[in-house]
Amino acid sequence: MAAGAARTNAQIAKALAALTNIVVRDHQP
């Protein structure tokens, strides 16, 4: 696996975590 792919995966994971946080916050009562 190329180093660039690993960096992209880390960015995707960070973006997914941020999106999840937004969705969870949005659904709080």
Foldseek 3Di string as FASTA:
>chain_A
DDPVVVVVVVVVVVVVVVVVVVVVVVPDD
